[in-house]
Amino acid sequence: MNSQVESAFAQWISGLVNSAPVYTGSSSTEMDVTGLAIVVTVPQVEFVLYQLHKATVEILIGGPAFHASLSNYRNVAAEVLEPI
């Protein structure tokens, strides 16, 4: 179930962000290491009640240190955080 939740969050975030590609933590897709990237991971999904589950979702924004200034990271983070 974790990979399904990861994929759903990654797809949602992909629709919000134009400045960086979005990957899932469980994907075998090779990432572009020349620029900023967003990685969505879901390390834990807990059963709560009936069909209710609680997921821990981690969103990592990363890239090579030489690629971008701090403001570039902040701009991507703002794109992700604004709708949340």
PDB file of N, CA and C in Angstrom:
ATOM      1  N   MET A   1       0.820  -1.185   0.000  1.00  0.00           N
ATOM      2  CA  MET A   1       0.000   0.000   0.000  1.00  0.00           C
ATOM      3  C   MET A   1       0.871   1.258   0.000  1.00  0.00           C
ATOM      4  N   ASN A   2       2.066   1.200   0.578  1.00  0.00           N
ATOM      5  CA  ASN A   2       2.908   2.389   0.649  1.00  0.00           C
ATOM      6  C   ASN A   2       3.227   2.941  -0.734  1.00  0.00           C
ATOM      7  N   SER A   3       3.529   2.065  -1.680  1.00  0.00           N
ATOM      8  CA  SER A   3       3.874   2.533  -3.025  1.00  0.00           C
ATOM      9  C   SER A   3       2.671   3.171  -3.716  1.00  0.00           C
ATOM     10  N   GLN A   4       1.466   2.680  -3.437  1.00  0.00           N
ATOM     11  CA  GLN A   4       0.265   3.291  -4.013  1.00  0.00           C
ATOM     12  C   GLN A   4       0.044   4.691  -3.452  1.00  0.00           C
ATOM     13  N   VAL A   5       0.253   4.847  -2.152  1.00  0.00           N
ATOM     14  CA  VAL A   5       0.090   6.157  -1.521  1.00  0.00           C
ATOM     15  C   VAL A   5       1.180   7.103  -2.015  1.00  0.00           C
ATOM     16  N   GLU A   6       2.412   6.606  -2.126  1.00  0.00           N
ATOM     17  CA  GLU A   6       3.510   7.410  -2.676  1.00  0.00           C
ATOM     18  C   GLU A   6       3.176   7.912  -4.068  1.00  0.00           C
ATOM     19  N   SER A   7       2.713   7.009  -4.907  1.00  0.00           N
ATOM     20  CA  SER A   7       2.377   7.378  -6.288  1.00  0.00           C
ATOM     21  C   SER A   7       1.278   8.428  -6.335  1.00  0.00           C
ATOM     22  N   ALA A   8       0.284   8.282  -5.481  1.00  0.00           N
ATOM     23  CA  ALA A   8      -0.818   9.249  -5.455  1.00  0.00           C
ATOM     24  C   ALA A   8      -0.326  10.631  -5.029  1.00  0.00           C
ATOM     25  N   PHE A   9       0.497  10.688  -3.982  1.00  0.00           N
ATOM     26  CA  PHE A   9       1.034  11.976  -3.539  1.00  0.00           C
ATOM     27  C   PHE A   9       1.966  12.575  -4.586  1.00  0.00           C
ATOM     28  N   ALA A  10       2.799  11.748  -5.197  1.00  0.00           N
ATOM     29  CA  ALA A  10       3.719  12.246  -6.226  1.00  0.00           C
ATOM     30  C   ALA A  10       2.951  12.810  -7.412  1.00  0.00           C
ATOM     31  N   GLN A  11       1.895  12.137  -7.808  1.00  0.00           N
ATOM     32  CA  GLN A  11       1.079  12.626  -8.920  1.00  0.00           C
ATOM     33  C   GLN A  11       0.415  13.954  -8.555  1.00  0.00           C
ATOM     34  N   TRP A  12      -0.081  14.064  -7.344  1.00  0.00           N
ATOM     35  CA  TRP A  12      -0.712  15.307  -6.892  1.00  0.00           C
ATOM     36  C   TRP A  12       0.299  16.457  -6.886  1.00  0.00           C
ATOM     37  N   ILE A  13       1.490  16.195  -6.331  1.00  0.00           N
ATOM     38  CA  ILE A  13       2.519  17.233  -6.264  1.00  0.00           C
ATOM     39  C   ILE A  13       3.018  17.598  -7.658  1.00  0.00           C
ATOM     40  N   SER A  14       3.089  16.633  -8.563  1.00  0.00           N
ATOM     41  CA  SER A  14       3.507  16.921  -9.944  1.00  0.00           C
ATOM     42  C   SER A  14       2.599  17.945 -10.600  1.00  0.00           C
ATOM     43  N   GLY A  15       1.332  17.913 -10.257  1.00  0.00           N
ATOM     44  CA  GLY A  15       0.393  18.878 -10.809  1.00  0.00           C
ATOM     45  C   GLY A  15       0.547  20.273 -10.227  1.00  0.00           C
ATOM     46  N   LEU A  16       1.238  20.377  -9.092  1.00  0.00           N
ATOM     47  CA  LEU A  16       1.414  21.668  -8.424  1.00  0.00           C
ATOM     48  C   LEU A  16       2.735  22.347  -8.766  1.00  0.00           C
ATOM     49  N   VAL A  17       3.748  21.548  -9.062  1.00  0.00           N
ATOM     50  CA  VAL A  17       5.110  22.060  -9.206  1.00  0.00           C
ATOM     51  C   VAL A  17       5.581  21.934 -10.648  1.00  0.00           C
ATOM     52  N   ASN A  18       6.068  23.024 -11.194  1.00  0.00           N
ATOM     53  CA  ASN A  18       6.604  23.010 -12.553  1.00  0.00           C
ATOM     54  C   ASN A  18       8.121  23.136 -12.576  1.00  0.00           C
ATOM     55  N   SER A  19       8.719  23.498 -11.463  1.00  0.00           N
ATOM     56  CA  SER A  19      10.138  23.829 -11.451  1.00  0.00           C
ATOM     57  C   SER A  19      11.068  22.670 -11.094  1.00  0.00           C
ATOM     58  N   ALA A  20      10.532  21.497 -10.748  1.00  0.00           N
ATOM     59  CA  ALA A  20      11.379  20.356 -10.397  1.00  0.00           C
ATOM     60  C   ALA A  20      10.616  19.060 -10.663  1.00  0.00           C
ATOM     61  N   PRO A  21      11.315  18.024 -11.149  1.00  0.00           N
ATOM     62  CA  PRO A  21      10.653  16.733 -11.350  1.00  0.00           C
ATOM     63  C   PRO A  21      10.330  16.074 -10.011  1.00  0.00           C
ATOM     64  N   VAL A  22       9.292  15.248 -10.005  1.00  0.00           N
ATOM     65  CA  VAL A  22       8.848  14.576  -8.776  1.00  0.00           C
ATOM     66  C   VAL A  22       9.048  13.071  -8.942  1.00  0.00           C
ATOM     67  N   TYR A  23       9.672  12.456  -7.949  1.00  0.00           N
ATOM     68  CA  TYR A  23       9.933  11.019  -7.941  1.00  0.00           C
ATOM     69  C   TYR A  23       9.340  10.410  -6.675  1.00  0.00           C
ATOM     70  N   THR A  24       9.137   9.090  -6.701  1.00  0.00           N
ATOM     71  CA  THR A  24       8.722   8.386  -5.489  1.00  0.00           C
ATOM     72  C   THR A  24       9.932   7.666  -4.913  1.00  0.00           C
ATOM     73  N   GLY A  25       9.925   7.492  -3.607  1.00  0.00           N
ATOM     74  CA  GLY A  25      11.046   6.838  -2.948  1.00  0.00           C
ATOM     75  C   GLY A  25      11.198   5.378  -3.318  1.00  0.00           C
ATOM     76  N   SER A  26      10.115   4.713  -3.688  1.00  0.00           N
ATOM     77  CA  SER A  26      10.175   3.291  -4.022  1.00  0.00           C
ATOM     78  C   SER A  26      10.363   3.044  -5.513  1.00  0.00           C
ATOM     79  N   SER A  27      10.491   4.097  -6.298  1.00  0.00           N
ATOM     80  CA  SER A  27      10.622   3.965  -7.745  1.00  0.00           C
ATOM     81  C   SER A  27      12.039   3.552  -8.129  1.00  0.00           C
ATOM     82  N   SER A  28      12.146   2.801  -9.199  1.00  0.00           N
ATOM     83  CA  SER A  28      13.464   2.437  -9.719  1.00  0.00           C
ATOM     84  C   SER A  28      13.889   3.381 -10.845  1.00  0.00           C
ATOM     85  N   THR A  29      13.117   4.437 -11.065  1.00  0.00           N
ATOM     86  CA  THR A  29      13.432   5.418 -12.095  1.00  0.00           C
ATOM     87  C   THR A  29      14.717   6.149 -11.732  1.00  0.00           C
ATOM     88  N   GLU A  30      15.608   6.267 -12.714  1.00  0.00           N
ATOM     89  CA  GLU A  30      16.855   6.991 -12.481  1.00  0.00           C
ATOM     90  C   GLU A  30      16.568   8.481 -12.416  1.00  0.00           C
ATOM     91  N   MET A  31      17.088   9.123 -11.383  1.00  0.00           N
ATOM     92  CA  MET A  31      16.821  10.545 -11.189  1.00  0.00           C
ATOM     93  C   MET A  31      17.870  11.389 -11.902  1.00  0.00           C
ATOM     94  N   ASP A  32      17.431  12.551 -12.368  1.00  0.00           N
ATOM     95  CA  ASP A  32      18.326  13.532 -12.965  1.00  0.00           C
ATOM     96  C   ASP A  32      19.051  14.243 -11.827  1.00  0.00           C
ATOM     97  N   VAL A  33      20.365  14.091 -11.773  1.00  0.00           N
ATOM     98  CA  VAL A  33      21.126  14.657 -10.657  1.00  0.00           C
ATOM     99  C   VAL A  33      21.721  16.028 -10.978  1.00  0.00           C
ATOM    100  N   THR A  34      21.300  16.617 -12.075  1.00  0.00           N
ATOM    101  CA  THR A  34      21.864  17.912 -12.456  1.00  0.00           C
ATOM    102  C   THR A  34      21.048  19.088 -11.948  1.00  0.00           C
ATOM    103  N   GLY A  35      19.902  18.826 -11.357  1.00  0.00           N
ATOM    104  CA  GLY A  35      19.056  19.918 -10.881  1.00  0.00           C
ATOM    105  C   GLY A  35      18.273  19.517  -9.652  1.00  0.00           C
ATOM    106  N   LEU A  36      17.414  20.402  -9.227  1.00  0.00           N
ATOM    107  CA  LEU A  36      16.565  20.134  -8.072  1.00  0.00           C
ATOM    108  C   LEU A  36      15.569  19.027  -8.388  1.00  0.00           C
ATOM    109  N   ALA A  37      15.215  18.253  -7.385  1.00  0.00           N
ATOM    110  CA  ALA A  37      14.228  17.187  -7.534  1.00  0.00           C
ATOM    111  C   ALA A  37      13.435  17.070  -6.242  1.00  0.00           C
ATOM    112  N   ILE A  38      12.226  16.555  -6.367  1.00  0.00           N
ATOM    113  CA  ILE A  38      11.358  16.314  -5.217  1.00  0.00           C
ATOM    114  C   ILE A  38      11.149  14.810  -5.115  1.00  0.00           C
ATOM    115  N   VAL A  39      11.371  14.265  -3.927  1.00  0.00           N
ATOM    116  CA  VAL A  39      11.173  12.835  -3.694  1.00  0.00           C
ATOM    117  C   VAL A  39      10.098  12.679  -2.626  1.00  0.00           C
ATOM    118  N   VAL A  40       9.070  11.895  -2.951  1.00  0.00           N
ATOM    119  CA  VAL A  40       7.966  11.629  -2.029  1.00  0.00           C
ATOM    120  C   VAL A  40       8.125  10.204  -1.509  1.00  0.00           C
ATOM    121  N   THR A  41       8.192  10.055  -0.195  1.00  0.00           N
ATOM    122  CA  THR A  41       8.262   8.728   0.403  1.00  0.00           C
ATOM    123  C   THR A  41       7.147   8.559   1.427  1.00  0.00           C
ATOM    124  N   VAL A  42       6.691   7.333   1.557  1.00  0.00           N
ATOM    125  CA  VAL A  42       5.683   6.984   2.567  1.00  0.00           C
ATOM    126  C   VAL A  42       6.247   5.789   3.339  1.00  0.00           C
ATOM    127  N   PRO A  43       6.992   6.068   4.417  1.00  0.00           N
ATOM    128  CA  PRO A  43       7.619   4.979   5.159  1.00  0.00           C
ATOM    129  C   PRO A  43       6.651   4.147   5.997  1.00  0.00           C
ATOM    130  N   GLN A  44       5.457   4.691   6.265  1.00  0.00           N
ATOM    131  CA  GLN A  44       4.545   3.977   7.163  1.00  0.00           C
ATOM    132  C   GLN A  44       3.091   4.296   6.841  1.00  0.00           C
ATOM    133  N   VAL A  45       2.282   3.246   6.773  1.00  0.00           N
ATOM    134  CA  VAL A  45       0.826   3.388   6.664  1.00  0.00           C
ATOM    135  C   VAL A  45       0.224   2.526   7.773  1.00  0.00           C
ATOM    136  N   GLU A  46      -0.577   3.140   8.631  1.00  0.00           N
ATOM    137  CA  GLU A  46      -1.181   2.436   9.764  1.00  0.00           C
ATOM    138  C   GLU A  46      -2.681   2.278   9.556  1.00  0.00           C
ATOM    139  N   PHE A  47      -3.189   1.105   9.908  1.00  0.00           N
ATOM    140  CA  PHE A  47      -4.627   0.871   9.919  1.00  0.00           C
ATOM    141  C   PHE A  47      -5.192   1.533  11.163  1.00  0.00           C
ATOM    142  N   VAL A  48      -6.233   2.340  11.005  1.00  0.00           N
ATOM    143  CA  VAL A  48      -6.850   3.021  12.141  1.00  0.00           C
ATOM    144  C   VAL A  48      -8.182   2.371  12.477  1.00  0.00           C
ATOM    145  N   LEU A  49      -9.110   2.378  11.519  1.00  0.00           N
ATOM    146  CA  LEU A  49     -10.441   1.853  11.770  1.00  0.00           C
ATOM    147  C   LEU A  49     -11.149   1.626  10.452  1.00  0.00           C
ATOM    148  N   TYR A  50     -11.773   0.488  10.291  1.00  0.00           N
ATOM    149  CA  TYR A  50     -12.554   0.144   9.113  1.00  0.00           C
ATOM    150  C   TYR A  50     -11.726   0.381   7.855  1.00  0.00           C
ATOM    151  N   GLN A  51     -12.041   1.394   7.057  1.00  0.00           N
ATOM    152  CA  GLN A  51     -11.261   1.684   5.850  1.00  0.00           C
ATOM    153  C   GLN A  51     -10.391   2.929   6.020  1.00  0.00           C
ATOM    154  N   LEU A  52     -10.182   3.350   7.239  1.00  0.00           N
ATOM    155  CA  LEU A  52      -9.390   4.542   7.526  1.00  0.00           C
ATOM    156  C   LEU A  52      -7.951   4.147   7.833  1.00  0.00           C
ATOM    157  N   HIS A  53      -7.028   4.768   7.126  1.00  0.00           N
ATOM    158  CA  HIS A  53      -5.605   4.544   7.343  1.00  0.00           C
ATOM    159  C   HIS A  53      -4.919   5.880   7.579  1.00  0.00           C
ATOM    160  N   LYS A  54      -3.824   5.845   8.318  1.00  0.00           N
ATOM    161  CA  LYS A  54      -3.019   7.043   8.568  1.00  0.00           C
ATOM    162  C   LYS A  54      -1.650   6.818   7.941  1.00  0.00           C
ATOM    163  N   ALA A  55      -1.234   7.745   7.074  1.00  0.00           N
ATOM    164  CA  ALA A  55       0.043   7.609   6.385  1.00  0.00           C
ATOM    165  C   ALA A  55       1.019   8.681   6.841  1.00  0.00           C
ATOM    166  N   THR A  56       2.265   8.287   6.965  1.00  0.00           N
ATOM    167  CA  THR A  56       3.350   9.233   7.202  1.00  0.00           C
ATOM    168  C   THR A  56       3.959   9.538   5.841  1.00  0.00           C
ATOM    169  N   VAL A  57       3.899  10.789   5.430  1.00  0.00           N
ATOM    170  CA  VAL A  57       4.399  11.190   4.114  1.00  0.00           C
ATOM    171  C   VAL A  57       5.576  12.134   4.307  1.00  0.00           C
ATOM    172  N   GLU A  58       6.675  11.834   3.634  1.00  0.00           N
ATOM    173  CA  GLU A  58       7.855  12.689   3.684  1.00  0.00           C
ATOM    174  C   GLU A  58       8.104  13.257   2.293  1.00  0.00           C
ATOM    175  N   ILE A  59       8.343  14.556   2.224  1.00  0.00           N
ATOM    176  CA  ILE A  59       8.621  15.223   0.953  1.00  0.00           C
ATOM    177  C   ILE A  59      10.017  15.827   1.058  1.00  0.00           C
ATOM    178  N   LEU A  60      10.931  15.337   0.233  1.00  0.00           N
ATOM    179  CA  LEU A  60      12.313  15.789   0.242  1.00  0.00           C
ATOM    180  C   LEU A  60      12.578  16.614  -1.008  1.00  0.00           C
ATOM    181  N   ILE A  61      13.134  17.792  -0.834  1.00  0.00           N
ATOM    182  CA  ILE A  61      13.554  18.621  -1.961  1.00  0.00           C
ATOM    183  C   ILE A  61      15.069  18.648  -1.914  1.00  0.00           C
ATOM    184  N   GLY A  62      15.699  18.150  -2.957  1.00  0.00           N
ATOM    185  CA  GLY A  62      17.151  18.060  -2.943  1.00  0.00           C
ATOM    186  C   GLY A  62      17.749  18.323  -4.305  1.00  0.00           C
ATOM    187  N   GLY A  63      19.040  18.429  -4.313  1.00  0.00           N
ATOM    188  CA  GLY A  63      19.778  18.662  -5.542  1.00  0.00           C
ATOM    189  C   GLY A  63      21.237  18.886  -5.218  1.00  0.00           C
ATOM    190  N   PRO A  64      22.061  18.964  -6.234  1.00  0.00           N
ATOM    191  CA  PRO A  64      23.484  19.211  -5.992  1.00  0.00           C
ATOM    192  C   PRO A  64      23.708  20.611  -5.421  1.00  0.00           C
ATOM    193  N   ALA A  65      24.652  20.728  -4.530  1.00  0.00           N
ATOM    194  CA  ALA A  65      24.904  22.000  -3.846  1.00  0.00           C
ATOM    195  C   ALA A  65      25.305  23.109  -4.810  1.00  0.00           C
ATOM    196  N   PHE A  66      25.961  22.756  -5.886  1.00  0.00           N
ATOM    197  CA  PHE A  66      26.429  23.775  -6.824  1.00  0.00           C
ATOM    198  C   PHE A  66      25.337  24.249  -7.777  1.00  0.00           C
ATOM    199  N   HIS A  67      24.206  23.569  -7.795  1.00  0.00           N
ATOM    200  CA  HIS A  67      23.171  23.855  -8.793  1.00  0.00           C
ATOM    201  C   HIS A  67      22.406  25.141  -8.526  1.00  0.00           C
ATOM    202  N   ALA A  68      21.992  25.307  -7.323  1.00  0.00           N
ATOM    203  CA  ALA A  68      21.030  26.381  -7.073  1.00  0.00           C
ATOM    204  C   ALA A  68      21.330  27.107  -5.771  1.00  0.00           C
ATOM    205  N   SER A  69      20.852  28.302  -5.718  1.00  0.00           N
ATOM    206  CA  SER A  69      20.984  29.081  -4.490  1.00  0.00           C
ATOM    207  C   SER A  69      19.882  28.667  -3.521  1.00  0.00           C
ATOM    208  N   LEU A  70      19.986  29.148  -2.323  1.00  0.00           N
ATOM    209  CA  LEU A  70      18.982  28.855  -1.305  1.00  0.00           C
ATOM    210  C   LEU A  70      17.602  29.329  -1.745  1.00  0.00           C
ATOM    211  N   SER A  71      17.554  30.420  -2.469  1.00  0.00           N
ATOM    212  CA  SER A  71      16.259  30.941  -2.927  1.00  0.00           C
ATOM    213  C   SER A  71      15.575  29.982  -3.898  1.00  0.00           C
ATOM    214  N   ASN A  72      16.355  29.241  -4.708  1.00  0.00           N
ATOM    215  CA  ASN A  72      15.753  28.249  -5.602  1.00  0.00           C
ATOM    216  C   ASN A  72      15.061  27.141  -4.807  1.00  0.00           C
ATOM    217  N   TYR A  73      15.723  26.664  -3.755  1.00  0.00           N
ATOM    218  CA  TYR A  73      15.128  25.640  -2.891  1.00  0.00           C
ATOM    219  C   TYR A  73      13.860  26.178  -2.224  1.00  0.00           C
ATOM    220  N   ARG A  74      13.932  27.404  -1.752  1.00  0.00           N
ATOM    221  CA  ARG A  74      12.774  27.998  -1.085  1.00  0.00           C
ATOM    222  C   ARG A  74      11.602  28.174  -2.043  1.00  0.00           C
ATOM    223  N   ASN A  75      11.875  28.523  -3.287  1.00  0.00           N
ATOM    224  CA  ASN A  75      10.802  28.682  -4.274  1.00  0.00           C
ATOM    225  C   ASN A  75      10.094  27.357  -4.537  1.00  0.00           C
ATOM    226  N   VAL A  76      10.861  26.281  -4.684  1.00  0.00           N
ATOM    227  CA  VAL A  76      10.256  24.960  -4.903  1.00  0.00           C
ATOM    228  C   VAL A  76       9.469  24.542  -3.664  1.00  0.00           C
ATOM    229  N   ALA A  77      10.034  24.769  -2.480  1.00  0.00           N
ATOM    230  CA  ALA A  77       9.328  24.427  -1.239  1.00  0.00           C
ATOM    231  C   ALA A  77       8.022  25.199  -1.125  1.00  0.00           C
ATOM    232  N   ALA A  78       8.033  26.456  -1.512  1.00  0.00           N
ATOM    233  CA  ALA A  78       6.810  27.268  -1.454  1.00  0.00           C
ATOM    234  C   ALA A  78       5.750  26.731  -2.406  1.00  0.00           C
ATOM    235  N   GLU A  79       6.177  26.262  -3.596  1.00  0.00           N
ATOM    236  CA  GLU A  79       5.223  25.681  -4.549  1.00  0.00           C
ATOM    237  C   GLU A  79       4.550  24.447  -3.968  1.00  0.00           C
ATOM    238  N   VAL A  80       5.320  23.649  -3.233  1.00  0.00           N
ATOM    239  CA  VAL A  80       4.778  22.422  -2.637  1.00  0.00           C
ATOM    240  C   VAL A  80       3.907  22.750  -1.427  1.00  0.00           C
ATOM    241  N   LEU A  81       4.369  23.647  -0.575  1.00  0.00           N
ATOM    242  CA  LEU A  81       3.676  23.915   0.687  1.00  0.00           C
ATOM    243  C   LEU A  81       2.430  24.780   0.551  1.00  0.00           C
ATOM    244  N   GLU A  82       2.377  25.620  -0.450  1.00  0.00           N
ATOM    245  CA  GLU A  82       1.243  26.543  -0.584  1.00  0.00           C
ATOM    246  C   GLU A  82      -0.117  25.845  -0.567  1.00  0.00           C
ATOM    247  N   PRO A  83      -0.339  24.795  -1.362  1.00  0.00           N
ATOM    248  CA  PRO A  83      -1.667  24.155  -1.335  1.00  0.00           C
ATOM    249  C   PRO A  83      -1.905  23.271  -0.109  1.00  0.00           C
ATOM    250  N   ILE A  84      -0.854  22.907   0.586  1.00  0.00           N
ATOM    251  CA  ILE A  84      -0.996  22.048   1.767  1.00  0.00           C
ATOM    252  C   ILE A  84      -1.445  22.903   2.915  1.00  0.00           C
TER     253      ILE A  84
END
